[in-house]
């Protein structure tokens, strides 16, 4: 059952103070590479990586082209502590 609501004008927030993008989108950041594989086509081979994205579960990881991922996110392919520094840098930028 619906009840009648008494409006309180002091609780209304001006929309200018809330910074919402018009597209209502956000950028995903890759966190870890879970797996690698080479898919053989008729004339060439394509290297793919299974990428775990921030705010997603392992089951929702996606296969991406390794070459593109190396260009856009080189810190994922570095060994040692440098990979952690790259992730921390991206997270601090947000």
Foldseek 3Di string as FASTA:
>chain_A
DDDDDDDDVVPDDDPVVDDADPVNDDDKDWDAWDDWDWDDDPPDIFIWTFTDIPPDDSVPTDIDGPVVCCVVPVLRVDDDCSVVVSVVVVVVVD
